Amino acid sequence: MGLIEGGNKRIAQNTLLLYFRMLFMMVISLYTSRVILQVLGVEDYGIYSVVGGLVSMFSLISNSLSNCIGRFIAFEIGRNDLMKLKKTFSVAVSIYIILALVTFVAVEAVAVWFLNTKMNIAKENMIAANWVLQFSLLTFIVNLISIPYNATIIAHERMSIFAYISIFEAISKLVVVYLLLLSSHDRLILYAFLLFLLSLFIRIIYGIYCKRQFEECSVNFIWDKPIVLEMFNMAGWNFLSSMADIFKSQGVAILINLFFGTFVNAAQAIAQQVNNAVNQFCNNFMTAITPQITKSYAQENYMRVEKLSMIGSRFSFYLVMLFSLPILYETNFILELWLGVVPTYTIIFVQYALIQTAFEVLSRTLINIIMASGYVRKYQIGVSLLLFANFPLSYFLLKMGFDADSVYIVAILITISTLLWRFYIAHTLMHFNVKYYVKNVFIYPILIAVICSIPYSIIVYHMPIGIWRFGFSLIIGIIFTLLIIYLIGINSRERMFVNSFIVGLRNKIYRNNRYDT
């Protein structure tokens, strides 16, 4: 029981630390986006977004492997097998070095051709676009090699160093933007180059920390065949969903470019930026809870796995809801305040993207359970077929003359379908009480969201748009939402844990203040 309580406290502490990191980064990144849009202009910003997306389309294998590596490292930590852990890490590094070389060759062979012959980019911007492609490729390779190190930090639940380095990275990106103002050269090329240098520096910091802190991070370039086969068996099936997910996101970005041009790509990029900011509230919580789910599964503590899954799904939804509702009701005002000039389609893109995320987060802990089990074949085949359907359906609607926002409607329907499929697969592994799980994880949170939207609807209907309405709805809406979540959105045991955590945090702050004085 003590270990479980310690695990719960560690989840809460790491979540709080990651939220501090996220709030700081959100302010910096949102301001950075506003400035970079003004510095580069809408067209160059759209070019950077869509060309960078070309490189990310080659991350199919790396994405499928990254999930596996995080799972294998956390699994071996849970089993307390240091020898297997060392081999796992060394094999992971060896695999990613090979993948980096393969990616470099593939991008140079395919992406360069596609950019210069198929992309809808003005001729006078083509040289800059090619430079952006090259620097985006180098940045991608650096980040690729960093994956085993980042996965190790998260598996060991060392969130403090993760937070500090991320904050430094966010501030550095803002500095990069202001350096562009001092340059008389092509700012788009310089921006891509400086981001590459920054990613290289961050990679060095992570490498030094891991080698000093974790015994398994002393790299020996080994090729342990059983571990490699085990990883690639899981990664091979994950590859399907990774490929489908790339087509779902970057494939649709290319469709938008082909049908509407780079200005609508800019709107999509801004919508993704807002969505990513909100998503971070959920991602930080999931980063804290995922190692606990994997370790508990490795220890065969299935009751704790189920409880963590239910708590994780509901709390993830509440976190997204808390910050999505004010944005959904005040999208126009927020975007004008943030960007000044709002590209066409941005408002509706943002709203649809947030709705899609709200449904998507309900299934994230289910994915963790499936990954922890290692039985991914049936799951990956099903979810890949659903995700693949997004691209042809979007193309069909655009070809039929539907508007650009139709691609988001398709994405929402696909997301709901994958949610149901993930629940079915997780149920076959864990044998959930279906009625209880659906009621408490799916139906109940959605009803809570409907209730929490009431004050926003009343305020928006009765007050004119402006800073006073935004401020009033934000304060009243968030307070009302927190009260509803606390009173009826969580059960009595969860409420007791929240109370004890708040009391512990208050006592810790009080002790620190007393020592300071």
Foldseek 3Di string as FASTA:
>chain_A
DVVVVVLVLLLVVLLVLLVVLLVLLLVLVLLLVQLLCVLQPLQLLLLLLLLLLLLVLLCLLLVLLLLLLLLVLLLCVLVVPLVVNLVSLQQQLLVLVVSLVVSVVVCVVPVLVCLVPPFPHDPVCSVLSVLSNVLSSLLVSLVSSLSSLVSNCLSVSVSNVVSVLSSVLSVVLSVQSVVLVVDPDNSSNSSSNSSSVSSNVSSVVSLVVCVVPPVSSPHDNDCDPVSVCLSCVSSVLSSLQSSLVSCLPSVLLRVCCVLPNSSVSSLLVVLVSLLVSLQSSLVSSCSSLLSVLLSCVSVVVLVVNVVSLQVSLLVSLLSLLLPLLLCLLQVPVVCCVSNVDRGPPNSLSNNLSSLLVSLQSNLPSLVSLCSSVSPCNVLSVVLSVLSNVLNVVQNVCVVVPHDSSVSSVSSSVSSNVNSVSSVVVSCVVSVDPVVVSCVLRPVVSVVLSVVLNVLSVVLSVPDDDDDVSSVVCSVVSSVVSVVSCLPPVDDPVVNVVVVVSVVVVVVVVVVVVVVVD
